[in-house]
Protein backbone atom coordinates (compact mmCIF):
# COMPACT_ATOMS: atom_id res chain seq x y z
CA MET A 1 336.19 -98.65 168.61
CA LYS A 2 333.15 -99.90 170.52
CA ARG A 3 330.77 -98.61 167.85
CA ASP A 4 332.85 -100.25 165.11
CA LYS A 5 332.87 -103.54 167.00
CA GLU A 6 329.11 -103.45 167.47
CA ASP A 7 328.64 -102.66 163.77
CA LEU A 8 330.90 -105.54 162.73
CA LEU A 9 329.11 -107.98 165.02
CA LYS A 10 325.74 -106.82 163.67
CA ARG A 11 326.94 -107.34 160.10
CA LEU A 12 328.30 -110.79 160.96
CA ARG A 13 325.00 -111.82 162.54
CA ARG A 14 323.26 -110.75 159.33
CA ILE A 15 325.76 -112.76 157.25
CA GLU A 16 325.23 -115.75 159.53
CA GLY A 17 321.51 -115.50 158.80
CA GLN A 18 322.21 -115.29 155.08
CA VAL A 19 324.33 -118.45 155.22
CA ARG A 20 321.61 -120.30 157.15
CA GLY A 21 319.17 -119.16 154.47
CA ILE A 22 321.44 -120.54 151.75
CA TYR A 23 321.63 -123.83 153.63
CA ARG A 24 317.82 -124.00 153.74
CA MET A 25 317.56 -123.12 150.06
CA ILE A 26 319.82 -126.04 149.18
CA GLU A 27 317.90 -128.37 151.50
CA GLU A 28 314.65 -127.31 149.82
CA ASP A 29 316.07 -127.73 146.29
CA LYS A 30 315.53 -124.09 145.37
CA TYR A 31 316.49 -122.76 141.94
CA CYS A 32 320.28 -122.77 141.53
CA VAL A 33 320.47 -119.21 140.23
CA ASP A 34 318.60 -117.93 143.28
CA ILE A 35 321.06 -119.74 145.55
CA LEU A 36 324.01 -118.30 143.63
CA HIS A 37 322.58 -114.79 144.03
CA GLN A 38 322.41 -115.32 147.78
CA ILE A 39 325.95 -116.67 147.87
CA ALA A 40 327.16 -113.60 145.97
CA ALA A 41 325.36 -111.33 148.43
CA ALA A 42 326.88 -113.13 151.43
CA ARG A 43 330.36 -112.96 149.91
CA ALA A 44 329.97 -109.23 149.24
CA ALA A 45 328.79 -108.63 152.80
CA LEU A 46 331.72 -110.61 154.21
CA GLY A 47 334.07 -108.64 151.96
CA LYS A 48 332.74 -105.40 153.42
CA VAL A 49 333.42 -106.67 156.93
CA GLY A 50 336.95 -107.56 155.87
CA MET A 51 337.53 -104.15 154.30
CA SER A 52 336.31 -102.45 157.45
CA LEU A 53 338.76 -104.51 159.53
CA LEU A 54 341.59 -103.78 157.11
CA GLU A 55 340.89 -100.06 157.33
CA SER A 56 340.74 -100.16 161.12
CA HIS A 57 343.97 -102.16 161.31
CA THR A 58 345.75 -99.78 158.96
CA ARG A 59 344.56 -96.62 160.70
CA GLY A 60 345.20 -98.05 164.16
CA CYS A 61 347.77 -100.82 164.46
CA VAL A 62 349.90 -99.97 161.44
CA THR A 63 349.93 -96.25 162.22
CA ASP A 64 350.94 -96.96 165.81
CA ALA A 65 353.69 -99.33 164.68
CA ILE A 66 355.10 -96.68 162.32
CA LYS A 67 355.14 -94.13 165.16
CA GLU A 68 356.96 -96.67 167.33
CA GLU A 69 359.48 -97.36 164.56
CA ARG A 70 358.15 -100.85 163.88
CA GLY A 71 356.72 -99.77 160.54
CA ASP A 72 358.53 -102.20 158.26
CA GLU A 73 357.25 -105.19 160.22
CA ALA A 74 353.68 -103.85 160.30
CA ILE A 75 353.72 -103.01 156.60
CA ASP A 76 355.05 -106.48 155.72
CA GLU A 77 352.23 -108.01 157.77
CA LEU A 78 349.67 -105.74 156.09
CA VAL A 79 350.90 -106.57 152.60
CA ASP A 80 350.81 -110.29 153.45
CA ILE A 81 347.21 -110.15 154.66
CA LEU A 82 346.17 -107.99 151.69
CA MET A 83 347.58 -110.61 149.32
CA LYS A 84 345.47 -113.28 151.03
CA PHE A 85 342.41 -111.07 151.25
CA VAL A 86 342.25 -110.14 147.57
CA LYS A 87 342.52 -113.74 146.28
């Protein structure tokens, strides 16, 4: 878990830097297409962080809930967050 957490935080710091870069690009009136490319890259990176968290949640929390006979509740919660995540 600790390694996963460190990896996620590292990725988020990188994304934070990307967003600051996008901010600067807009301030400096850079070419719109270049800004859109950077936005797409930041969104993809954030999506990867989300997928990593979803996998961890499913393999950890949901699996534990099923073992403890709280599976229906955990699966409902997972489906709900998946519906929001894929929008």
